[in-house]
Amino acid sequence: MRELVETIAKALVDAPDQVKVTEQVSEKGTLITLSVAKEDIGKVIGKQGRVANAIRSVVKAAGIRKGVHVIVDIEY
C-alpha cells in the first residue's frame, strides 16, 4: 500500500523528492501518512478534496482485495 500511495503522489507533485510516505500497522488496520511539500499540498488535495478522495478510494479498494483496512492521512 505504501508504494501505491508514493507512486500516485510523486506523479501529482512538482517536487517528487519531498514526498514521504510512512506506514503504521495495528490491530485495527493500516495507517498511511502522506507528507508533501507545502507548495504541492493543493495538487494532492485537489478542488474540494476530489484528488485526496480518489487516492483514498484507490488505496481502500486495494486494501479490500488484501483484506486490510487502510486509512490515508495527508500532511504537509
PDB file of N, CA and C in Angstrom:
ATOM      1  N   MET A   1       0.814  -1.189   0.000  1.00  0.00           N
ATOM      2  CA  MET A   1       0.000   0.000   0.000  1.00  0.00           C
ATOM      3  C   MET A   1       0.864   1.261   0.000  1.00  0.00           C
ATOM      4  N   ARG A   2       1.956   1.204   0.740  1.00  0.00           N
ATOM      5  CA  ARG A   2       2.837   2.362   0.836  1.00  0.00           C
ATOM      6  C   ARG A   2       3.375   2.753  -0.538  1.00  0.00           C
ATOM      7  N   GLU A   3       3.771   1.777  -1.313  1.00  0.00           N
ATOM      8  CA  GLU A   3       4.328   2.047  -2.635  1.00  0.00           C
ATOM      9  C   GLU A   3       3.273   2.626  -3.574  1.00  0.00           C
ATOM     10  N   LEU A   4       2.039   2.168  -3.436  1.00  0.00           N
ATOM     11  CA  LEU A   4       0.944   2.674  -4.269  1.00  0.00           C
ATOM     12  C   LEU A   4       0.715   4.156  -4.009  1.00  0.00           C
ATOM     13  N   VAL A   5       0.632   4.549  -2.742  1.00  0.00           N
ATOM     14  CA  VAL A   5       0.420   5.954  -2.389  1.00  0.00           C
ATOM     15  C   VAL A   5       1.603   6.795  -2.848  1.00  0.00           C
ATOM     16  N   GLU A   6       2.805   6.288  -2.662  1.00  0.00           N
ATOM     17  CA  GLU A   6       4.004   7.025  -3.057  1.00  0.00           C
ATOM     18  C   GLU A   6       4.044   7.243  -4.568  1.00  0.00           C
ATOM     19  N   THR A   7       3.709   6.243  -5.340  1.00  0.00           N
ATOM     20  CA  THR A   7       3.703   6.358  -6.803  1.00  0.00           C
ATOM     21  C   THR A   7       2.683   7.385  -7.276  1.00  0.00           C
ATOM     22  N   ILE A   8       1.489   7.337  -6.704  1.00  0.00           N
ATOM     23  CA  ILE A   8       0.438   8.291  -7.088  1.00  0.00           C
ATOM     24  C   ILE A   8       0.853   9.707  -6.727  1.00  0.00           C
ATOM     25  N   ALA A   9       1.355   9.901  -5.515  1.00  0.00           N
ATOM     26  CA  ALA A   9       1.721  11.238  -5.050  1.00  0.00           C
ATOM     27  C   ALA A   9       2.862  11.830  -5.871  1.00  0.00           C
ATOM     28  N   LYS A  10       3.866  11.026  -6.170  1.00  0.00           N
ATOM     29  CA  LYS A  10       5.003  11.534  -6.942  1.00  0.00           C
ATOM     30  C   LYS A  10       4.590  11.943  -8.352  1.00  0.00           C
ATOM     31  N   ALA A  11       3.567  11.311  -8.889  1.00  0.00           N
ATOM     32  CA  ALA A  11       3.085  11.680 -10.223  1.00  0.00           C
ATOM     33  C   ALA A  11       2.321  13.004 -10.197  1.00  0.00           C
ATOM     34  N   LEU A  12       1.799  13.394  -9.053  1.00  0.00           N
ATOM     35  CA  LEU A  12       0.980  14.595  -8.957  1.00  0.00           C
ATOM     36  C   LEU A  12       1.757  15.870  -8.638  1.00  0.00           C
ATOM     37  N   VAL A  13       2.848  15.773  -7.911  1.00  0.00           N
ATOM     38  CA  VAL A  13       3.521  16.951  -7.362  1.00  0.00           C
ATOM     39  C   VAL A  13       4.665  17.435  -8.248  1.00  0.00           C
ATOM     40  N   ASP A  14       5.116  18.682  -7.966  1.00  0.00           N
ATOM     41  CA  ASP A  14       6.253  19.262  -8.682  1.00  0.00           C
ATOM     42  C   ASP A  14       7.583  18.863  -8.050  1.00  0.00           C
ATOM     43  N   ALA A  15       7.554  18.525  -6.745  1.00  0.00           N
ATOM     44  CA  ALA A  15       8.776  18.144  -6.032  1.00  0.00           C
ATOM     45  C   ALA A  15       8.644  16.703  -5.531  1.00  0.00           C
ATOM     46  N   PRO A  16       8.811  15.722  -6.432  1.00  0.00           N
ATOM     47  CA  PRO A  16       8.633  14.330  -6.017  1.00  0.00           C
ATOM     48  C   PRO A  16       9.659  13.854  -4.994  1.00  0.00           C
ATOM     49  N   ASP A  17      10.801  14.534  -4.908  1.00  0.00           N
ATOM     50  CA  ASP A  17      11.812  14.139  -3.932  1.00  0.00           C
ATOM     51  C   ASP A  17      11.400  14.475  -2.499  1.00  0.00           C
ATOM     52  N   GLN A  18      10.397  15.344  -2.319  1.00  0.00           N
ATOM     53  CA  GLN A  18       9.934  15.716  -0.985  1.00  0.00           C
ATOM     54  C   GLN A  18       8.718  14.916  -0.532  1.00  0.00           C
ATOM     55  N   VAL A  19       8.318  13.937  -1.324  1.00  0.00           N
ATOM     56  CA  VAL A  19       7.191  13.078  -0.942  1.00  0.00           C
ATOM     57  C   VAL A  19       7.691  12.030   0.045  1.00  0.00           C
ATOM     58  N   LYS A  20       7.018  11.967   1.199  1.00  0.00           N
ATOM     59  CA  LYS A  20       7.369  10.971   2.216  1.00  0.00           C
ATOM     60  C   LYS A  20       6.109  10.207   2.598  1.00  0.00           C
ATOM     61  N   VAL A  21       6.204   8.899   2.600  1.00  0.00           N
ATOM     62  CA  VAL A  21       5.071   8.059   2.952  1.00  0.00           C
ATOM     63  C   VAL A  21       5.507   7.116   4.068  1.00  0.00           C
ATOM     64  N   THR A  22       4.739   7.125   5.165  1.00  0.00           N
ATOM     65  CA  THR A  22       5.011   6.199   6.256  1.00  0.00           C
ATOM     66  C   THR A  22       3.808   5.289   6.437  1.00  0.00           C
ATOM     67  N   GLU A  23       4.069   4.103   6.951  1.00  0.00           N
ATOM     68  CA  GLU A  23       3.015   3.101   7.118  1.00  0.00           C
ATOM     69  C   GLU A  23       3.104   2.533   8.531  1.00  0.00           C
ATOM     70  N   GLN A  24       1.978   2.577   9.247  1.00  0.00           N
ATOM     71  CA  GLN A  24       1.911   2.015  10.592  1.00  0.00           C
ATOM     72  C   GLN A  24       0.813   0.956  10.606  1.00  0.00           C
ATOM     73  N   VAL A  25       1.170  -0.244  10.995  1.00  0.00           N
ATOM     74  CA  VAL A  25       0.220  -1.347  11.028  1.00  0.00           C
ATOM     75  C   VAL A  25      -0.188  -1.595  12.478  1.00  0.00           C
ATOM     76  N   SER A  26      -1.501  -1.729  12.699  1.00  0.00           N
ATOM     77  CA  SER A  26      -2.013  -2.040  14.033  1.00  0.00           C
ATOM     78  C   SER A  26      -3.107  -3.095  13.899  1.00  0.00           C
ATOM     79  N   GLU A  27      -3.734  -3.411  15.028  1.00  0.00           N
ATOM     80  CA  GLU A  27      -4.825  -4.389  15.015  1.00  0.00           C
ATOM     81  C   GLU A  27      -6.007  -3.907  14.184  1.00  0.00           C
ATOM     82  N   LYS A  28      -6.269  -2.600  14.232  1.00  0.00           N
ATOM     83  CA  LYS A  28      -7.424  -2.031  13.542  1.00  0.00           C
ATOM     84  C   LYS A  28      -7.217  -1.887  12.038  1.00  0.00           C
ATOM     85  N   GLY A  29      -5.985  -1.869  11.612  1.00  0.00           N
ATOM     86  CA  GLY A  29      -5.708  -1.722  10.192  1.00  0.00           C
ATOM     87  C   GLY A  29      -4.377  -1.043   9.957  1.00  0.00           C
ATOM     88  N   THR A  30      -4.260  -0.431   8.801  1.00  0.00           N
ATOM     89  CA  THR A  30      -3.015   0.220   8.404  1.00  0.00           C
ATOM     90  C   THR A  30      -3.252   1.709   8.226  1.00  0.00           C
ATOM     91  N   LEU A  31      -2.387   2.517   8.833  1.00  0.00           N
ATOM     92  CA  LEU A  31      -2.444   3.971   8.680  1.00  0.00           C
ATOM     93  C   LEU A  31      -1.286   4.377   7.790  1.00  0.00           C
ATOM     94  N   ILE A  32      -1.619   5.015   6.667  1.00  0.00           N
ATOM     95  CA  ILE A  32      -0.604   5.502   5.742  1.00  0.00           C
ATOM     96  C   ILE A  32      -0.628   7.018   5.812  1.00  0.00           C
ATOM     97  N   THR A  33       0.525   7.609   6.126  1.00  0.00           N
ATOM     98  CA  THR A  33       0.641   9.060   6.231  1.00  0.00           C
ATOM     99  C   THR A  33       1.445   9.568   5.047  1.00  0.00           C
ATOM    100  N   LEU A  34       0.847  10.476   4.297  1.00  0.00           N
ATOM    101  CA  LEU A  34       1.481  11.077   3.120  1.00  0.00           C
ATOM    102  C   LEU A  34       1.876  12.498   3.462  1.00  0.00           C
ATOM    103  N   SER A  35       3.128  12.821   3.247  1.00  0.00           N
ATOM    104  CA  SER A  35       3.634  14.160   3.512  1.00  0.00           C
ATOM    105  C   SER A  35       4.266  14.700   2.236  1.00  0.00           C
ATOM    106  N   VAL A  36       3.867  15.924   1.860  1.00  0.00           N
ATOM    107  CA  VAL A  36       4.402  16.552   0.647  1.00  0.00           C
ATOM    108  C   VAL A  36       4.863  17.968   0.985  1.00  0.00           C
ATOM    109  N   ALA A  37       5.531  18.603   0.039  1.00  0.00           N
ATOM    110  CA  ALA A  37       5.981  19.981   0.227  1.00  0.00           C
ATOM    111  C   ALA A  37       4.766  20.907   0.348  1.00  0.00           C
ATOM    112  N   LYS A  38       4.945  21.989   1.063  1.00  0.00           N
ATOM    113  CA  LYS A  38       3.846  22.918   1.326  1.00  0.00           C
ATOM    114  C   LYS A  38       3.226  23.453   0.032  1.00  0.00           C
ATOM    115  N   GLU A  39       4.042  23.712  -0.965  1.00  0.00           N
ATOM    116  CA  GLU A  39       3.515  24.261  -2.224  1.00  0.00           C
ATOM    117  C   GLU A  39       2.798  23.218  -3.074  1.00  0.00           C
ATOM    118  N   ASP A  40       2.946  21.948  -2.748  1.00  0.00           N
ATOM    119  CA  ASP A  40       2.295  20.875  -3.504  1.00  0.00           C
ATOM    120  C   ASP A  40       1.031  20.333  -2.849  1.00  0.00           C
ATOM    121  N   ILE A  41       0.685  20.816  -1.673  1.00  0.00           N
ATOM    122  CA  ILE A  41      -0.455  20.259  -0.945  1.00  0.00           C
ATOM    123  C   ILE A  41      -1.759  20.434  -1.730  1.00  0.00           C
ATOM    124  N   GLY A  42      -1.896  21.527  -2.441  1.00  0.00           N
ATOM    125  CA  GLY A  42      -3.101  21.768  -3.230  1.00  0.00           C
ATOM    126  C   GLY A  42      -3.269  20.768  -4.357  1.00  0.00           C
ATOM    127  N   LYS A  43      -2.166  20.326  -4.925  1.00  0.00           N
ATOM    128  CA  LYS A  43      -2.233  19.346  -6.007  1.00  0.00           C
ATOM    129  C   LYS A  43      -2.634  17.970  -5.495  1.00  0.00           C
ATOM    130  N   VAL A  44      -2.252  17.658  -4.265  1.00  0.00           N
ATOM    131  CA  VAL A  44      -2.579  16.352  -3.695  1.00  0.00           C
ATOM    132  C   VAL A  44      -4.015  16.330  -3.179  1.00  0.00           C
ATOM    133  N   ILE A  45      -4.479  17.463  -2.648  1.00  0.00           N
ATOM    134  CA  ILE A  45      -5.851  17.519  -2.131  1.00  0.00           C
ATOM    135  C   ILE A  45      -6.852  17.760  -3.261  1.00  0.00           C
ATOM    136  N   GLY A  46      -6.551  18.675  -4.167  1.00  0.00           N
ATOM    137  CA  GLY A  46      -7.436  18.952  -5.286  1.00  0.00           C
ATOM    138  C   GLY A  46      -8.611  19.830  -4.886  1.00  0.00           C
ATOM    139  N   LYS A  47      -9.382  20.230  -5.861  1.00  0.00           N
ATOM    140  CA  LYS A  47     -10.551  21.071  -5.607  1.00  0.00           C
ATOM    141  C   LYS A  47     -11.587  20.287  -4.816  1.00  0.00           C
ATOM    142  N   GLN A  48     -11.995  20.848  -3.701  1.00  0.00           N
ATOM    143  CA  GLN A  48     -12.989  20.245  -2.808  1.00  0.00           C
ATOM    144  C   GLN A  48     -12.580  18.838  -2.360  1.00  0.00           C
ATOM    145  N   GLY A  49     -11.269  18.572  -2.361  1.00  0.00           N
ATOM    146  CA  GLY A  49     -10.771  17.291  -1.864  1.00  0.00           C
ATOM    147  C   GLY A  49     -10.970  16.118  -2.803  1.00  0.00           C
ATOM    148  N   ARG A  50     -11.229  16.398  -4.057  1.00  0.00           N
ATOM    149  CA  ARG A  50     -11.519  15.310  -5.004  1.00  0.00           C
ATOM    150  C   ARG A  50     -10.326  14.395  -5.260  1.00  0.00           C
ATOM    151  N   VAL A  51      -9.137  14.966  -5.391  1.00  0.00           N
ATOM    152  CA  VAL A  51      -7.948  14.145  -5.642  1.00  0.00           C
ATOM    153  C   VAL A  51      -7.639  13.301  -4.406  1.00  0.00           C
ATOM    154  N   ALA A  52      -7.719  13.916  -3.226  1.00  0.00           N
ATOM    155  CA  ALA A  52      -7.473  13.182  -1.982  1.00  0.00           C
ATOM    156  C   ALA A  52      -8.470  12.036  -1.823  1.00  0.00           C
ATOM    157  N   ASN A  53      -9.734  12.286  -2.123  1.00  0.00           N
ATOM    158  CA  ASN A  53     -10.745  11.232  -2.031  1.00  0.00           C
ATOM    159  C   ASN A  53     -10.489  10.126  -3.051  1.00  0.00           C
ATOM    160  N   ALA A  54     -10.000  10.493  -4.221  1.00  0.00           N
ATOM    161  CA  ALA A  54      -9.689   9.487  -5.240  1.00  0.00           C
ATOM    162  C   ALA A  54      -8.522   8.605  -4.782  1.00  0.00           C
ATOM    163  N   ILE A  55      -7.499   9.230  -4.186  1.00  0.00           N
ATOM    164  CA  ILE A  55      -6.363   8.456  -3.668  1.00  0.00           C
ATOM    165  C   ILE A  55      -6.855   7.492  -2.592  1.00  0.00           C
ATOM    166  N   ARG A  56      -7.680   7.998  -1.687  1.00  0.00           N
ATOM    167  CA  ARG A  56      -8.208   7.149  -0.612  1.00  0.00           C
ATOM    168  C   ARG A  56      -9.046   6.002  -1.168  1.00  0.00           C
ATOM    169  N   SER A  57      -9.828   6.276  -2.195  1.00  0.00           N
ATOM    170  CA  SER A  57     -10.671   5.230  -2.785  1.00  0.00           C
ATOM    171  C   SER A  57      -9.841   4.125  -3.424  1.00  0.00           C
ATOM    172  N   VAL A  58      -8.803   4.506  -4.145  1.00  0.00           N
ATOM    173  CA  VAL A  58      -7.943   3.521  -4.800  1.00  0.00           C
ATOM    174  C   VAL A  58      -7.229   2.658  -3.759  1.00  0.00           C
ATOM    175  N   VAL A  59      -6.709   3.304  -2.717  1.00  0.00           N
ATOM    176  CA  VAL A  59      -5.988   2.564  -1.678  1.00  0.00           C
ATOM    177  C   VAL A  59      -6.945   1.677  -0.890  1.00  0.00           C
ATOM    178  N   LYS A  60      -8.142   2.181  -0.632  1.00  0.00           N
ATOM    179  CA  LYS A  60      -9.133   1.379   0.088  1.00  0.00           C
ATOM    180  C   LYS A  60      -9.513   0.138  -0.725  1.00  0.00           C
ATOM    181  N   ALA A  61      -9.693   0.304  -2.025  1.00  0.00           N
ATOM    182  CA  ALA A  61     -10.029  -0.829  -2.890  1.00  0.00           C
ATOM    183  C   ALA A  61      -8.899  -1.848  -2.916  1.00  0.00           C
ATOM    184  N   ALA A  62      -7.659  -1.377  -2.961  1.00  0.00           N
ATOM    185  CA  ALA A  62      -6.514  -2.292  -2.931  1.00  0.00           C
ATOM    186  C   ALA A  62      -6.439  -3.005  -1.582  1.00  0.00           C
ATOM    187  N   GLY A  63      -6.785  -2.299  -0.528  1.00  0.00           N
ATOM    188  CA  GLY A  63      -6.785  -2.900   0.800  1.00  0.00           C
ATOM    189  C   GLY A  63      -7.852  -3.965   0.951  1.00  0.00           C
ATOM    190  N   ILE A  64      -9.014  -3.722   0.381  1.00  0.00           N
ATOM    191  CA  ILE A  64     -10.103  -4.697   0.445  1.00  0.00           C
ATOM    192  C   ILE A  64      -9.697  -5.989  -0.253  1.00  0.00           C
ATOM    193  N   ARG A  65      -8.994  -5.869  -1.362  1.00  0.00           N
ATOM    194  CA  ARG A  65      -8.540  -7.061  -2.081  1.00  0.00           C
ATOM    195  C   ARG A  65      -7.584  -7.891  -1.241  1.00  0.00           C
ATOM    196  N   LYS A  66      -6.823  -7.195  -0.360  1.00  0.00           N
ATOM    197  CA  LYS A  66      -5.880  -7.910   0.511  1.00  0.00           C
ATOM    198  C   LYS A  66      -6.474  -8.204   1.882  1.00  0.00           C
ATOM    199  N   GLY A  67      -7.695  -7.750   2.120  1.00  0.00           N
ATOM    200  CA  GLY A  67      -8.353  -7.995   3.393  1.00  0.00           C
ATOM    201  C   GLY A  67      -7.839  -7.121   4.523  1.00  0.00           C
ATOM    202  N   VAL A  68      -7.402  -5.903   4.198  1.00  0.00           N
ATOM    203  CA  VAL A  68      -6.828  -4.992   5.186  1.00  0.00           C
ATOM    204  C   VAL A  68      -7.606  -3.676   5.161  1.00  0.00           C
ATOM    205  N   HIS A  69      -7.864  -3.119   6.351  1.00  0.00           N
ATOM    206  CA  HIS A  69      -8.495  -1.805   6.456  1.00  0.00           C
ATOM    207  C   HIS A  69      -7.388  -0.758   6.387  1.00  0.00           C
ATOM    208  N   VAL A  70      -7.494   0.181   5.441  1.00  0.00           N
ATOM    209  CA  VAL A  70      -6.436   1.166   5.217  1.00  0.00           C
ATOM    210  C   VAL A  70      -7.009   2.568   5.356  1.00  0.00           C
ATOM    211  N   ILE A  71      -6.263   3.429   6.083  1.00  0.00           N
ATOM    212  CA  ILE A  71      -6.622   4.838   6.233  1.00  0.00           C
ATOM    213  C   ILE A  71      -5.460   5.656   5.680  1.00  0.00           C
ATOM    214  N   VAL A  72      -5.768   6.657   4.846  1.00  0.00           N
ATOM    215  CA  VAL A  72      -4.737   7.538   4.292  1.00  0.00           C
ATOM    216  C   VAL A  72      -4.892   8.913   4.915  1.00  0.00           C
ATOM    217  N   ASP A  73      -3.825   9.405   5.514  1.00  0.00           N
ATOM    218  CA  ASP A  73      -3.792  10.724   6.135  1.00  0.00           C
ATOM    219  C   ASP A  73      -2.799  11.586   5.355  1.00  0.00           C
ATOM    220  N   ILE A  74      -3.208  12.804   4.993  1.00  0.00           N
ATOM    221  CA  ILE A  74      -2.355  13.692   4.200  1.00  0.00           C
ATOM    222  C   ILE A  74      -1.892  14.842   5.082  1.00  0.00           C
ATOM    223  N   GLU A  75      -0.565  15.043   5.130  1.00  0.00           N
ATOM    224  CA  GLU A  75       0.040  16.106   5.915  1.00  0.00           C
ATOM    225  C   GLU A  75       0.944  16.938   5.026  1.00  0.00           C
ATOM    226  N   TYR A  76       1.306  18.120   5.523  1.00  0.00           N
ATOM    227  CA  TYR A  76       2.312  18.942   4.830  1.00  0.00           C
ATOM    228  C   TYR A  76       3.224  19.608   5.808  1.00  0.00           C
TER     229      TYR A  76
END
